[in-house]
N, C-alpha and C. Protein backbone atom coordinates (compact mmCIF):
# COMPACT_ATOMS: atom_id res chain seq x y z
N MET A 1 0.86 -1.39 0.06
CA MET A 1 -0.18 0.14 -0.10
C MET A 1 0.93 1.39 0.07
N GLY A 2 0.25 2.31 -0.27
CA GLY A 2 0.93 3.67 -0.26
C GLY A 2 1.02 4.28 -1.83
N GLY A 3 1.46 5.28 -1.84
CA GLY A 3 1.55 5.99 -3.18
C GLY A 3 2.90 5.74 -3.62
N ARG A 4 2.98 6.48 -4.96
CA ARG A 4 4.19 6.39 -5.89
C ARG A 4 5.16 7.27 -5.46
N ARG A 5 6.12 7.18 -5.59
CA ARG A 5 7.55 8.00 -5.46
C ARG A 5 7.33 9.54 -5.95
N ILE A 6 7.40 10.60 -5.33
CA ILE A 6 7.12 11.70 -5.96
C ILE A 6 8.43 12.24 -6.62
N ASP A 7 8.24 12.90 -7.89
CA ASP A 7 9.30 13.34 -8.49
C ASP A 7 9.58 14.84 -8.45
N SER A 8 10.71 15.17 -9.18
CA SER A 8 11.00 16.47 -9.29
C SER A 8 9.95 17.63 -9.92
N GLY A 9 9.29 17.02 -10.78
CA GLY A 9 7.94 17.72 -11.26
C GLY A 9 6.88 17.93 -10.66
N ALA A 10 6.82 17.71 -9.30
CA ALA A 10 5.77 17.58 -8.25
C ALA A 10 5.11 18.77 -8.45
N SER A 11 3.67 18.74 -8.14
CA SER A 11 3.04 19.90 -8.05
C SER A 11 3.02 20.78 -6.94
N ALA A 12 2.95 22.16 -7.36
CA ALA A 12 3.32 23.01 -6.38
C ALA A 12 2.19 23.49 -5.34
N GLY A 13 1.02 22.73 -5.49
CA GLY A 13 -0.13 22.89 -4.62
C GLY A 13 -1.35 21.92 -4.78
N LEU A 14 -1.77 21.42 -3.87
CA LEU A 14 -2.98 20.36 -3.83
C LEU A 14 -3.54 20.53 -2.69
N VAL A 15 -5.13 20.52 -3.00
CA VAL A 15 -6.17 20.55 -2.02
C VAL A 15 -7.04 19.31 -1.65
N ILE A 16 -6.72 18.86 -0.61
CA ILE A 16 -7.34 17.42 -0.20
C ILE A 16 -8.15 17.53 0.56
N PHE A 17 -9.49 17.10 0.09
CA PHE A 17 -10.69 17.09 0.81
C PHE A 17 -11.18 15.83 1.54
N ASP A 18 -11.61 15.86 2.83
CA ASP A 18 -12.23 14.93 3.27
C ASP A 18 -13.66 14.80 2.69
N CYS A 19 -14.36 13.65 2.74
CA CYS A 19 -15.79 13.68 2.00
C CYS A 19 -16.66 13.85 3.01
N ASP A 20 -17.08 12.87 3.88
CA ASP A 20 -18.24 13.17 4.95
C ASP A 20 -18.33 14.30 5.53
N GLY A 21 -19.43 15.02 5.53
CA GLY A 21 -19.35 16.35 6.11
C GLY A 21 -18.71 17.62 5.62
N VAL A 22 -17.80 17.28 4.70
CA VAL A 22 -17.15 18.49 4.07
C VAL A 22 -17.46 18.53 2.66
N LEU A 23 -17.90 17.41 1.69
CA LEU A 23 -18.54 17.67 0.42
C LEU A 23 -19.71 17.19 0.37
N VAL A 24 -20.11 15.95 1.12
CA VAL A 24 -21.40 15.88 1.13
C VAL A 24 -21.84 15.94 2.59
N ASP A 25 -23.27 16.24 2.74
CA ASP A 25 -23.87 16.46 4.14
C ASP A 25 -24.30 15.15 4.86
N SER A 26 -23.33 14.09 4.65
CA SER A 26 -23.58 13.07 5.23
C SER A 26 -23.57 12.75 6.81
N ASP A 27 -22.67 13.27 7.52
CA ASP A 27 -22.43 13.02 9.00
C ASP A 27 -23.78 13.34 9.68
N ARG A 28 -24.45 14.48 9.38
CA ARG A 28 -25.46 14.95 9.93
C ARG A 28 -26.47 13.75 9.95
N ILE A 29 -26.63 12.82 8.85
CA ILE A 29 -27.59 11.71 8.65
C ILE A 29 -27.19 10.64 9.36
N SER A 30 -25.86 10.21 9.00
CA SER A 30 -25.45 8.86 9.76
C SER A 30 -25.13 9.05 11.15
N LEU A 31 -24.96 10.21 11.60
CA LEU A 31 -24.63 10.24 13.30
C LEU A 31 -26.01 10.22 14.20
N ARG A 32 -26.91 10.88 13.15
CA ARG A 32 -28.13 10.82 13.89
C ARG A 32 -28.86 9.36 13.91
N ILE A 33 -28.66 8.52 12.90
CA ILE A 33 -29.02 7.09 13.03
C ILE A 33 -28.32 6.52 13.83
N GLN A 34 -27.11 6.60 13.73
CA GLN A 34 -25.97 5.90 14.79
C GLN A 34 -26.30 6.09 16.24
N ALA A 35 -26.69 7.29 16.61
CA ALA A 35 -27.23 7.64 17.90
C ALA A 35 -28.60 6.84 18.22
N GLU A 36 -29.53 6.71 17.32
CA GLU A 36 -30.71 5.95 17.53
C GLU A 36 -30.22 4.59 17.86
N ALA A 37 -29.36 4.06 16.61
CA ALA A 37 -29.22 2.53 16.72
C ALA A 37 -28.37 2.12 18.07
N LEU A 38 -27.60 3.04 18.69
CA LEU A 38 -26.85 2.74 19.85
C LEU A 38 -27.68 2.81 20.98
N THR A 39 -28.64 3.71 21.11
CA THR A 39 -29.69 3.64 22.04
C THR A 39 -30.48 2.58 22.05
N ALA A 40 -30.75 1.90 21.16
CA ALA A 40 -31.49 0.75 20.83
C ALA A 40 -31.03 -0.34 21.46
N ILE A 41 -29.84 -0.44 21.40
CA ILE A 41 -28.79 -1.67 21.84
C ILE A 41 -28.38 -1.41 23.35
N GLY A 42 -29.27 -0.29 24.07
CA GLY A 42 -28.78 -0.25 25.58
C GLY A 42 -27.70 0.80 25.69
N LEU A 43 -27.20 1.61 24.95
CA LEU A 43 -26.24 2.32 25.04
C LEU A 43 -26.68 3.98 24.82
N SER A 44 -27.35 4.68 25.86
CA SER A 44 -27.94 5.95 25.46
C SER A 44 -27.14 6.75 24.92
N THR A 45 -27.33 7.33 23.69
CA THR A 45 -26.41 8.02 23.04
C THR A 45 -27.28 9.25 22.40
N ARG A 46 -26.79 10.60 22.41
CA ARG A 46 -27.26 11.50 21.53
C ARG A 46 -26.52 11.89 20.53
N TYR A 47 -27.25 12.70 19.40
CA TYR A 47 -26.50 12.83 18.13
C TYR A 47 -25.10 13.79 18.57
N GLU A 48 -25.02 14.71 19.51
CA GLU A 48 -24.10 15.44 19.99
C GLU A 48 -22.84 14.47 20.61
N ASP A 49 -23.38 13.37 21.15
CA ASP A 49 -22.38 12.43 21.72
C ASP A 49 -21.54 11.77 20.55
N CYS A 50 -22.35 11.47 19.41
CA CYS A 50 -21.67 10.73 18.40
C CYS A 50 -20.60 11.94 17.71
N VAL A 51 -21.13 12.97 17.46
CA VAL A 51 -20.11 14.09 16.73
C VAL A 51 -18.84 14.09 17.88
N ARG A 52 -18.93 14.16 19.19
CA ARG A 52 -18.05 14.41 20.21
C ARG A 52 -17.02 13.04 20.00
N ASP A 53 -17.62 11.88 19.97
CA ASP A 53 -16.88 10.55 20.31
C ASP A 53 -16.58 9.83 18.94
N TYR A 54 -17.35 9.96 17.75
CA TYR A 54 -17.11 9.06 16.81
C TYR A 54 -16.86 9.65 15.53
N LEU A 55 -16.93 11.05 15.39
CA LEU A 55 -16.86 11.68 14.07
C LEU A 55 -15.40 11.37 13.56
N GLY A 56 -15.18 10.71 12.39
CA GLY A 56 -14.09 10.85 11.65
C GLY A 56 -13.22 9.92 12.07
N ILE A 57 -13.39 9.00 12.89
CA ILE A 57 -12.48 7.83 13.45
C ILE A 57 -12.64 6.47 12.75
N GLY A 58 -13.83 6.13 11.76
CA GLY A 58 -13.91 4.92 11.39
C GLY A 58 -14.62 4.29 12.26
N MET A 59 -15.35 3.12 11.51
CA MET A 59 -16.16 2.46 12.18
C MET A 59 -15.52 1.17 13.04
N ASP A 60 -14.23 0.88 12.80
CA ASP A 60 -13.34 -0.15 13.84
C ASP A 60 -13.17 0.47 15.08
N ALA A 61 -12.58 1.66 14.78
CA ALA A 61 -12.44 2.36 16.27
C ALA A 61 -13.82 2.68 16.89
N THR A 62 -14.68 3.00 16.33
CA THR A 62 -16.13 3.37 16.84
C THR A 62 -16.72 2.04 17.53
N LEU A 63 -16.45 0.80 17.01
CA LEU A 63 -17.01 -0.31 17.57
C LEU A 63 -16.25 -0.65 18.97
N GLU A 64 -14.89 -0.45 18.75
CA GLU A 64 -13.99 -0.67 20.14
C GLU A 64 -14.62 0.10 21.23
N ILE A 65 -14.86 1.39 20.92
CA ILE A 65 -15.44 2.16 22.06
C ILE A 65 -16.66 1.90 22.51
N VAL A 66 -17.61 1.52 21.44
CA VAL A 66 -18.91 1.17 21.80
C VAL A 66 -19.01 0.09 22.73
N GLU A 67 -18.07 -1.05 22.38
CA GLU A 67 -18.06 -2.36 23.22
C GLU A 67 -17.48 -2.29 24.48
N GLN A 68 -16.73 -1.53 24.45
CA GLN A 68 -15.77 -1.17 25.87
C GLN A 68 -17.08 -0.59 26.84
N ARG A 69 -17.94 0.45 26.21
CA ARG A 69 -19.03 1.27 27.04
C ARG A 69 -20.38 0.24 27.28
N LEU A 70 -20.33 -0.83 26.36
CA LEU A 70 -21.48 -1.69 26.69
C LEU A 70 -21.06 -2.79 27.50
N GLY A 71 -19.70 -3.15 27.50
CA GLY A 71 -19.41 -4.33 28.46
C GLY A 71 -19.37 -5.47 27.63
N ARG A 72 -19.75 -5.68 26.58
CA ARG A 72 -20.25 -6.88 25.67
C ARG A 72 -20.16 -6.56 24.30
N PRO A 73 -19.88 -7.63 23.44
CA PRO A 73 -19.78 -7.29 21.96
C PRO A 73 -21.21 -6.65 21.37
N ILE A 74 -21.07 -5.98 20.33
CA ILE A 74 -22.36 -5.59 19.67
C ILE A 74 -23.31 -6.66 19.37
N PRO A 75 -24.53 -6.46 19.25
CA PRO A 75 -25.36 -7.74 18.63
C PRO A 75 -24.91 -8.18 17.16
N ASP A 76 -25.28 -9.48 16.84
CA ASP A 76 -24.97 -9.90 15.54
C ASP A 76 -25.79 -9.10 14.67
N GLY A 77 -24.95 -8.57 13.51
CA GLY A 77 -25.80 -8.31 12.21
C GLY A 77 -26.13 -6.59 12.63
N TRP A 78 -25.81 -6.00 13.96
CA TRP A 78 -25.99 -4.55 14.16
C TRP A 78 -25.15 -3.60 13.03
N VAL A 79 -23.87 -3.86 12.59
CA VAL A 79 -23.33 -3.05 11.55
C VAL A 79 -24.17 -3.02 10.23
N GLN A 80 -24.26 -4.29 9.99
CA GLN A 80 -25.09 -4.25 8.67
C GLN A 80 -26.44 -3.79 8.75
N GLU A 81 -27.38 -3.84 9.66
CA GLU A 81 -28.56 -3.15 10.06
C GLU A 81 -28.25 -1.47 9.91
N LEU A 82 -27.29 -1.13 10.53
CA LEU A 82 -26.93 0.35 10.67
C LEU A 82 -26.66 0.81 9.36
N ASP A 83 -25.77 0.08 8.50
CA ASP A 83 -25.55 0.58 7.01
C ASP A 83 -26.53 0.55 6.30
N ALA A 84 -27.46 -0.43 6.51
CA ALA A 84 -28.88 -0.50 5.48
C ALA A 84 -29.38 0.82 5.81
N ALA A 85 -29.73 1.27 7.09
CA ALA A 85 -30.36 2.29 7.74
C ALA A 85 -30.02 3.58 6.99
N VAL A 86 -28.60 3.65 7.05
CA VAL A 86 -27.96 4.77 6.74
C VAL A 86 -28.21 5.12 5.13
N ARG A 87 -27.94 4.06 4.40
CA ARG A 87 -27.96 3.88 2.83
C ARG A 87 -29.23 4.46 2.58
N ALA A 88 -30.41 3.88 3.31
CA ALA A 88 -31.71 4.18 2.85
C ALA A 88 -32.08 5.52 3.15
N ALA A 89 -31.43 6.30 4.22
CA ALA A 89 -31.62 7.57 4.17
C ALA A 89 -30.98 8.55 3.43
N PHE A 90 -29.83 8.08 3.02
CA PHE A 90 -28.79 8.93 2.05
C PHE A 90 -29.68 8.85 0.71
N GLY A 91 -30.49 7.76 0.50
CA GLY A 91 -31.14 7.77 -0.81
C GLY A 91 -32.38 8.82 -0.85
N LYS A 92 -33.01 9.31 0.46
CA LYS A 92 -33.69 10.24 0.67
C LYS A 92 -33.33 11.78 0.90
N GLU A 93 -32.25 11.68 1.67
CA GLU A 93 -31.76 12.96 2.29
C GLU A 93 -30.67 13.66 1.78
N LEU A 94 -29.71 12.75 1.20
CA LEU A 94 -28.35 13.24 1.00
C LEU A 94 -28.05 14.35 0.04
N GLU A 95 -27.60 15.37 0.27
CA GLU A 95 -27.10 16.63 -0.54
C GLU A 95 -25.77 16.78 -0.34
N PRO A 96 -25.20 17.70 -1.36
CA PRO A 96 -23.84 18.24 -1.20
C PRO A 96 -23.89 19.21 -0.13
N VAL A 97 -22.70 19.47 0.42
CA VAL A 97 -22.82 20.47 1.57
C VAL A 97 -22.93 21.92 0.86
N ALA A 98 -23.72 22.68 1.48
CA ALA A 98 -24.13 23.97 1.09
C ALA A 98 -23.04 24.85 0.59
N GLY A 99 -22.90 25.29 -0.88
CA GLY A 99 -21.90 26.02 -1.29
C GLY A 99 -20.72 25.44 -1.78
N VAL A 100 -20.67 24.00 -1.47
CA VAL A 100 -19.61 23.40 -2.15
C VAL A 100 -19.29 23.59 -3.52
N ARG A 101 -20.32 23.31 -4.16
CA ARG A 101 -20.21 23.28 -5.90
C ARG A 101 -19.61 24.72 -6.21
N ALA A 102 -19.93 25.68 -5.68
CA ALA A 102 -19.30 27.13 -6.13
C ALA A 102 -18.02 27.13 -5.56
N ALA A 103 -17.63 26.64 -4.70
CA ALA A 103 -16.22 26.69 -3.74
C ALA A 103 -15.36 25.77 -4.76
N LEU A 104 -15.65 24.74 -5.34
CA LEU A 104 -15.04 23.96 -6.03
C LEU A 104 -14.69 24.57 -7.43
N ASP A 105 -15.74 25.31 -8.07
CA ASP A 105 -15.42 26.10 -9.20
C ASP A 105 -14.48 27.20 -8.98
N SER A 106 -14.48 27.60 -7.92
CA SER A 106 -13.39 28.67 -7.79
C SER A 106 -12.09 28.37 -7.11
N ILE A 107 -11.66 27.17 -6.73
CA ILE A 107 -10.43 26.86 -6.70
C ILE A 107 -9.57 26.45 -7.63
N SER A 108 -8.10 27.23 -7.68
CA SER A 108 -7.47 27.26 -8.75
C SER A 108 -6.55 25.90 -8.64
N TYR A 109 -6.43 25.29 -7.80
CA TYR A 109 -5.41 24.24 -7.34
C TYR A 109 -5.99 22.93 -7.71
N PRO A 110 -5.14 21.91 -8.07
CA PRO A 110 -5.51 20.60 -8.26
C PRO A 110 -6.42 19.94 -7.07
N THR A 111 -7.30 19.24 -7.20
CA THR A 111 -7.83 18.58 -5.69
C THR A 111 -8.13 17.30 -6.18
N CYS A 112 -8.36 16.50 -4.76
CA CYS A 112 -8.45 15.24 -4.73
C CYS A 112 -9.20 14.92 -3.31
N ILE A 113 -9.90 13.62 -3.14
CA ILE A 113 -10.41 13.53 -1.87
C ILE A 113 -9.29 12.38 -1.05
N ALA A 114 -9.61 12.46 0.10
CA ALA A 114 -8.82 11.31 0.80
C ALA A 114 -9.72 11.01 2.16
N SER A 115 -10.57 10.11 2.05
CA SER A 115 -11.87 9.64 2.92
C SER A 115 -11.68 8.37 3.73
N GLY A 116 -12.03 8.66 4.98
CA GLY A 116 -12.21 7.35 5.70
C GLY A 116 -13.31 6.43 5.41
N SER A 117 -14.07 6.73 4.27
CA SER A 117 -15.00 5.73 3.98
C SER A 117 -14.48 4.95 2.90
N THR A 118 -15.30 3.87 2.75
CA THR A 118 -14.80 2.78 1.67
C THR A 118 -14.97 3.46 0.15
N HIS A 119 -14.51 2.60 -0.69
CA HIS A 119 -14.78 3.01 -2.01
C HIS A 119 -16.32 3.08 -2.05
N ALA A 120 -16.46 1.72 -1.89
CA ALA A 120 -18.21 1.59 -2.35
C ALA A 120 -18.91 2.64 -1.73
N ARG A 121 -18.81 3.20 -0.50
CA ARG A 121 -19.49 4.20 -0.06
C ARG A 121 -19.13 5.66 -0.58
N LEU A 122 -18.14 5.69 -1.15
CA LEU A 122 -18.01 7.12 -1.76
C LEU A 122 -18.42 7.22 -3.01
N ARG A 123 -18.51 6.09 -3.84
CA ARG A 123 -19.26 6.03 -5.10
C ARG A 123 -20.66 6.32 -4.89
N LEU A 124 -21.42 5.68 -3.47
CA LEU A 124 -22.59 6.05 -3.37
C LEU A 124 -22.90 7.43 -2.92
N THR A 125 -22.06 8.07 -2.01
CA THR A 125 -22.54 9.49 -1.67
C THR A 125 -21.98 10.28 -2.73
N LEU A 126 -21.00 10.38 -3.24
CA LEU A 126 -20.64 11.37 -4.67
C LEU A 126 -21.48 11.07 -5.66
N GLY A 127 -21.97 9.92 -6.06
CA GLY A 127 -22.97 9.63 -7.15
C GLY A 127 -24.27 10.18 -6.73
N LEU A 128 -24.93 9.97 -5.44
CA LEU A 128 -26.04 10.64 -5.08
C LEU A 128 -26.19 12.01 -5.40
N THR A 129 -24.99 12.80 -4.88
CA THR A 129 -24.87 14.36 -4.97
C THR A 129 -24.28 14.84 -6.02
N GLY A 130 -24.22 14.21 -7.11
CA GLY A 130 -23.51 14.65 -8.58
C GLY A 130 -22.10 15.13 -8.51
N LEU A 131 -21.38 14.50 -7.37
CA LEU A 131 -19.88 15.13 -7.15
C LEU A 131 -19.06 14.17 -7.70
N TYR A 132 -19.59 12.85 -8.09
CA TYR A 132 -18.45 11.91 -8.35
C TYR A 132 -17.41 12.19 -9.56
N ASP A 133 -17.99 12.76 -10.53
CA ASP A 133 -17.38 12.81 -11.97
C ASP A 133 -16.42 14.18 -11.62
N ARG A 134 -16.62 14.99 -10.60
CA ARG A 134 -15.69 15.84 -10.48
C ARG A 134 -14.44 15.54 -9.65
N PHE A 135 -14.53 14.29 -9.23
CA PHE A 135 -13.31 13.66 -8.56
C PHE A 135 -12.92 12.32 -8.97
N ALA A 136 -13.41 11.97 -10.26
CA ALA A 136 -13.17 10.47 -10.58
C ALA A 136 -11.75 10.38 -11.00
N GLY A 137 -10.94 9.13 -10.57
CA GLY A 137 -9.54 9.00 -10.61
C GLY A 137 -8.76 9.65 -9.61
N ARG A 138 -9.41 10.66 -8.81
CA ARG A 138 -8.71 11.09 -7.70
C ARG A 138 -9.27 10.95 -6.49
N ILE A 139 -9.80 9.64 -6.16
CA ILE A 139 -10.47 9.49 -4.88
C ILE A 139 -9.80 8.44 -4.28
N TYR A 140 -9.34 8.67 -2.88
CA TYR A 140 -8.32 7.77 -2.02
C TYR A 140 -9.36 7.34 -0.85
N SER A 141 -9.22 6.22 -0.58
CA SER A 141 -10.00 5.71 0.60
C SER A 141 -9.22 5.13 1.72
N VAL A 142 -9.77 4.87 2.81
CA VAL A 142 -9.06 4.03 3.99
C VAL A 142 -8.71 2.69 3.40
N GLU A 143 -9.61 2.02 2.54
CA GLU A 143 -9.21 0.93 2.11
C GLU A 143 -7.76 0.80 1.54
N ASP A 144 -7.22 1.87 1.06
CA ASP A 144 -5.93 1.91 0.37
C ASP A 144 -4.74 2.05 1.20
N VAL A 145 -4.97 1.90 2.49
CA VAL A 145 -3.79 2.31 3.43
C VAL A 145 -4.06 1.31 4.68
N ASN A 146 -2.87 1.10 5.52
CA ASN A 146 -2.79 0.27 6.55
C ASN A 146 -3.57 0.94 7.81
N ARG A 147 -3.58 2.03 7.98
CA ARG A 147 -3.98 2.79 9.16
C ARG A 147 -4.74 4.10 8.91
N ALA A 148 -5.83 4.06 9.54
CA ALA A 148 -7.09 5.32 9.37
C ALA A 148 -6.47 6.24 9.96
N LYS A 149 -7.14 7.51 9.93
CA LYS A 149 -6.87 8.67 10.57
C LYS A 149 -7.14 8.28 12.00
N PRO A 150 -6.40 8.94 13.10
CA PRO A 150 -5.54 10.11 12.87
C PRO A 150 -4.16 9.92 12.45
N ALA A 151 -3.90 8.43 11.89
CA ALA A 151 -2.57 8.45 11.30
C ALA A 151 -2.59 9.20 10.05
N PRO A 152 -1.32 9.33 9.58
CA PRO A 152 -1.27 10.48 8.48
C PRO A 152 -1.26 9.39 7.09
N ASP A 153 -1.40 8.16 7.29
CA ASP A 153 -1.07 7.39 5.94
C ASP A 153 -1.93 7.81 4.79
N LEU A 154 -3.15 7.89 4.86
CA LEU A 154 -4.18 8.19 3.87
C LEU A 154 -3.84 9.51 2.93
N PHE A 155 -3.41 10.51 4.10
CA PHE A 155 -2.93 11.87 3.27
C PHE A 155 -1.49 11.86 2.50
N LEU A 156 -0.88 10.77 3.06
CA LEU A 156 0.57 10.69 2.60
C LEU A 156 0.22 9.97 1.11
N HIS A 157 -0.69 9.04 1.21
CA HIS A 157 -0.92 8.41 -0.10
C HIS A 157 -1.55 9.07 -1.01
N ALA A 158 -2.53 9.94 -0.55
CA ALA A 158 -2.95 11.02 -1.94
C ALA A 158 -1.97 11.88 -2.26
N ALA A 159 -1.20 12.47 -1.28
CA ALA A 159 -0.33 13.35 -1.92
C ALA A 159 0.76 12.47 -2.95
N ALA A 160 1.02 11.33 -2.57
CA ALA A 160 2.03 10.78 -3.46
C ALA A 160 1.11 10.38 -4.69
N GLY A 161 -0.17 10.05 -4.71
CA GLY A 161 -0.80 9.77 -5.87
C GLY A 161 -1.10 10.89 -6.95
N MET A 162 -1.11 12.08 -6.21
CA MET A 162 -1.41 13.38 -6.88
C MET A 162 0.33 13.97 -7.15
N ASN A 163 1.08 13.30 -6.87
CA ASN A 163 2.66 13.86 -7.20
C ASN A 163 2.93 15.14 -6.49
N THR A 164 2.67 15.22 -5.51
CA THR A 164 2.60 16.40 -4.64
C THR A 164 3.40 16.19 -3.22
N ARG A 165 4.10 17.37 -2.84
CA ARG A 165 4.89 17.08 -1.55
C ARG A 165 3.78 17.41 -0.59
N SER A 166 3.97 17.02 0.69
CA SER A 166 3.28 17.26 1.64
C SER A 166 3.33 18.69 2.19
N GLU A 167 4.38 19.44 2.08
CA GLU A 167 4.12 20.80 2.55
C GLU A 167 3.69 21.63 1.47
N HIS A 168 3.17 21.07 0.46
CA HIS A 168 2.41 21.55 -0.66
C HIS A 168 1.13 21.65 -0.62
N CYS A 169 0.73 20.64 0.20
CA CYS A 169 -0.84 20.19 0.41
C CYS A 169 -1.61 20.88 1.83
N VAL A 170 -2.80 21.25 1.28
CA VAL A 170 -3.69 21.84 2.48
C VAL A 170 -4.82 20.77 2.23
N VAL A 171 -5.40 20.25 3.46
CA VAL A 171 -6.50 19.46 3.94
C VAL A 171 -7.49 20.11 4.33
N ILE A 172 -9.04 19.90 3.82
CA ILE A 172 -9.98 20.29 4.35
C ILE A 172 -10.83 19.16 5.17
N GLU A 173 -10.80 19.30 6.36
CA GLU A 173 -11.32 18.35 7.35
C GLU A 173 -12.60 19.09 8.30
N ASP A 174 -13.50 18.11 8.62
CA ASP A 174 -14.32 18.52 9.69
C ASP A 174 -14.18 17.97 11.21
N SER A 175 -13.07 17.01 11.29
CA SER A 175 -13.03 16.13 12.30
C SER A 175 -11.91 16.44 13.09
N PRO A 176 -11.56 15.95 14.36
CA PRO A 176 -10.47 16.31 15.04
C PRO A 176 -9.35 15.29 14.54
N ALA A 177 -9.86 13.89 14.28
CA ALA A 177 -8.85 12.78 13.73
C ALA A 177 -8.37 13.17 12.41
N GLY A 178 -9.33 13.86 11.58
CA GLY A 178 -8.66 14.29 10.36
C GLY A 178 -7.51 15.35 10.51
N ILE A 179 -7.96 16.38 11.26
CA ILE A 179 -7.09 17.70 11.45
C ILE A 179 -5.81 16.99 11.98
N ALA A 180 -5.83 16.25 13.03
CA ALA A 180 -4.61 15.28 13.44
C ALA A 180 -3.77 14.90 12.38
N ALA A 181 -4.63 14.02 11.62
CA ALA A 181 -3.74 13.20 10.40
C ALA A 181 -3.22 14.05 9.54
N ALA A 182 -3.87 15.11 9.15
CA ALA A 182 -2.81 16.12 8.20
C ALA A 182 -1.88 16.71 8.88
N LYS A 183 -1.65 17.08 10.09
CA LYS A 183 -0.70 17.60 10.76
C LYS A 183 0.52 16.56 10.83
N ALA A 184 0.07 15.26 11.12
CA ALA A 184 0.90 14.46 11.32
C ALA A 184 1.67 14.18 9.91
N ALA A 185 1.10 14.37 8.86
CA ALA A 185 1.63 14.16 7.39
C ALA A 185 2.32 15.34 7.12
N GLY A 186 2.59 16.40 7.95
CA GLY A 186 3.19 17.69 7.61
C GLY A 186 2.47 18.73 6.56
N MET A 187 1.20 18.49 6.50
CA MET A 187 0.32 19.47 5.62
C MET A 187 -0.25 20.30 6.70
N ARG A 188 -0.76 21.45 5.83
CA ARG A 188 -1.46 22.27 6.35
C ARG A 188 -3.05 22.03 6.69
N ALA A 189 -3.80 22.50 7.41
CA ALA A 189 -5.37 22.13 7.66
C ALA A 189 -6.23 23.10 7.83
N LEU A 190 -7.41 22.96 7.24
CA LEU A 190 -8.41 24.05 7.49
C LEU A 190 -9.57 23.30 7.88
N GLY A 191 -10.03 23.58 9.14
CA GLY A 191 -11.27 23.31 9.70
C GLY A 191 -12.42 23.54 9.52
N PHE A 192 -13.30 22.76 8.85
CA PHE A 192 -14.71 23.09 8.43
C PHE A 192 -15.72 22.88 9.61
N ALA A 193 -16.00 23.97 10.14
CA ALA A 193 -17.02 24.22 11.75
C ALA A 193 -18.16 24.15 11.39
N ALA A 194 -18.76 23.88 10.52
CA ALA A 194 -20.42 24.05 10.33
C ALA A 194 -21.11 23.18 11.16
N GLU A 195 -20.74 21.91 11.53
CA GLU A 195 -21.30 21.07 12.25
C GLU A 195 -20.37 20.85 13.55
N THR A 196 -19.31 20.88 13.36
CA THR A 196 -18.17 20.30 14.73
C THR A 196 -17.95 21.60 15.25
N PRO A 197 -18.09 21.59 16.75
CA PRO A 197 -17.73 22.71 17.80
C PRO A 197 -16.22 23.07 17.16
N ILE A 198 -16.28 24.35 17.11
CA ILE A 198 -15.18 25.04 16.73
C ILE A 198 -13.74 24.72 17.55
N GLU A 199 -14.05 24.49 18.82
CA GLU A 199 -12.80 24.29 19.89
C GLU A 199 -12.25 22.85 19.28
N ARG A 200 -13.07 21.73 18.69
CA ARG A 200 -12.44 20.63 18.66
C ARG A 200 -11.76 20.77 17.43
N LEU A 201 -11.34 21.73 16.66
CA LEU A 201 -10.83 21.94 15.53
C LEU A 201 -9.51 22.84 15.88
N ARG A 202 -9.25 23.09 16.88
CA ARG A 202 -8.23 23.96 17.31
C ARG A 202 -6.88 23.58 16.64
N GLN A 203 -6.37 22.66 16.45
CA GLN A 203 -5.20 22.18 15.72
C GLN A 203 -5.04 22.66 14.24
N ALA A 204 -6.07 23.00 13.84
CA ALA A 204 -6.28 23.44 12.18
C ALA A 204 -5.53 24.73 12.12
N ASP A 205 -4.92 25.05 10.91
CA ASP A 205 -4.28 26.39 10.89
C ASP A 205 -5.28 27.55 10.65
N ALA A 206 -6.56 27.21 10.10
CA ALA A 206 -7.82 28.04 10.34
C ALA A 206 -9.07 27.38 10.38
N THR A 207 -9.97 28.17 10.84
CA THR A 207 -11.27 27.52 10.65
C THR A 207 -12.28 28.12 10.08
N PHE A 208 -13.35 27.85 9.66
CA PHE A 208 -14.43 28.55 8.79
C PHE A 208 -15.60 27.75 8.89
N ARG A 209 -16.83 28.31 8.71
CA ARG A 209 -18.05 27.91 8.89
C ARG A 209 -19.05 27.82 7.65
N ASP A 210 -18.53 28.46 6.52
CA ASP A 210 -19.10 28.74 5.51
C ASP A 210 -18.17 28.34 4.08
N MET A 211 -18.81 27.68 3.30
CA MET A 211 -17.88 27.07 2.20
C MET A 211 -17.55 28.37 1.08
N ARG A 212 -18.41 29.53 1.30
CA ARG A 212 -18.06 30.41 0.50
C ARG A 212 -16.74 31.04 1.05
N GLN A 213 -16.18 30.90 1.98
CA GLN A 213 -14.95 31.47 2.65
C GLN A 213 -13.74 30.46 2.06
N LEU A 214 -13.91 29.27 1.67
CA LEU A 214 -13.07 28.38 1.28
C LEU A 214 -12.07 28.91 0.23
N PRO A 215 -12.46 29.28 -0.89
CA PRO A 215 -11.34 29.70 -2.04
C PRO A 215 -10.38 30.68 -1.58
N VAL A 216 -10.97 31.43 -0.56
CA VAL A 216 -9.81 32.54 0.01
C VAL A 216 -9.06 32.21 0.91
N LEU A 217 -9.37 31.23 1.57
CA LEU A 217 -8.58 30.81 2.77
C LEU A 217 -7.49 29.80 1.95
N ILE A 218 -8.16 28.90 0.89
CA ILE A 218 -7.13 28.06 0.10
C ILE A 218 -5.70 29.10 -0.39
N GLU A 219 -6.23 30.12 -0.92
CA GLU A 219 -5.30 31.11 -1.85
C GLU A 219 -4.34 31.65 -0.69
N SER A 220 -4.89 32.00 0.42
CA SER A 220 -4.03 32.66 1.72
C SER A 220 -2.98 31.72 2.13
N THR A 221 -3.42 30.24 1.89
CA THR A 221 -2.64 29.15 2.75
C THR A 221 -1.63 28.61 1.69
N LEU A 222 -1.86 28.59 0.50
CA LEU A 222 -1.10 28.01 -0.42
C LEU A 222 -0.26 28.93 -1.29
N GLY A 223 -0.81 30.19 -1.50
CA GLY A 223 -0.37 31.19 -2.25
C GLY A 223 0.77 31.81 -1.77
């Protein structure tokens, strides 16, 4: 696993987007359903608890925390039932993050996605929101690396795949784990705080709440 070697013709700038909660408004849906599903198996959980504890860390890490708190394994089939409920809700509710299309149109640097989701889930969410073609061929998944965020592996893999040095990358993230991964990779990070409490993104180089702010922030960060 990992990306190819970066040569002397490396790009002078790259914008790496997380997907869930940054490009597509999926976190609001999936974490709501996750809170309901956890409560149903005896672990009383609010949406805000899921944002605090599980946002951006991936299912494996989520299950480890959940089972520690439950004091027992999760019921058989729980993950599959959760996934089916989330997918059904996506089909009815999922939209691009407000303002993200216009922001993408205004960014002058190359872009790619580096997401903790699987490739199948990325095809689903980006396809439902009409964003897949904008990133086709430049989509990197946690499935491509050995360690999930907050490890730097995924961002380093994306930078190598895009032939760009880490110090020339800026990552757009909405989770503490994602910001930590970007910084561990030697990259700059912009924290999207539309849903995430802004104090949880304090490691970021800058934070913003409106996608209309993003193109100017990128220019000031990479320019």
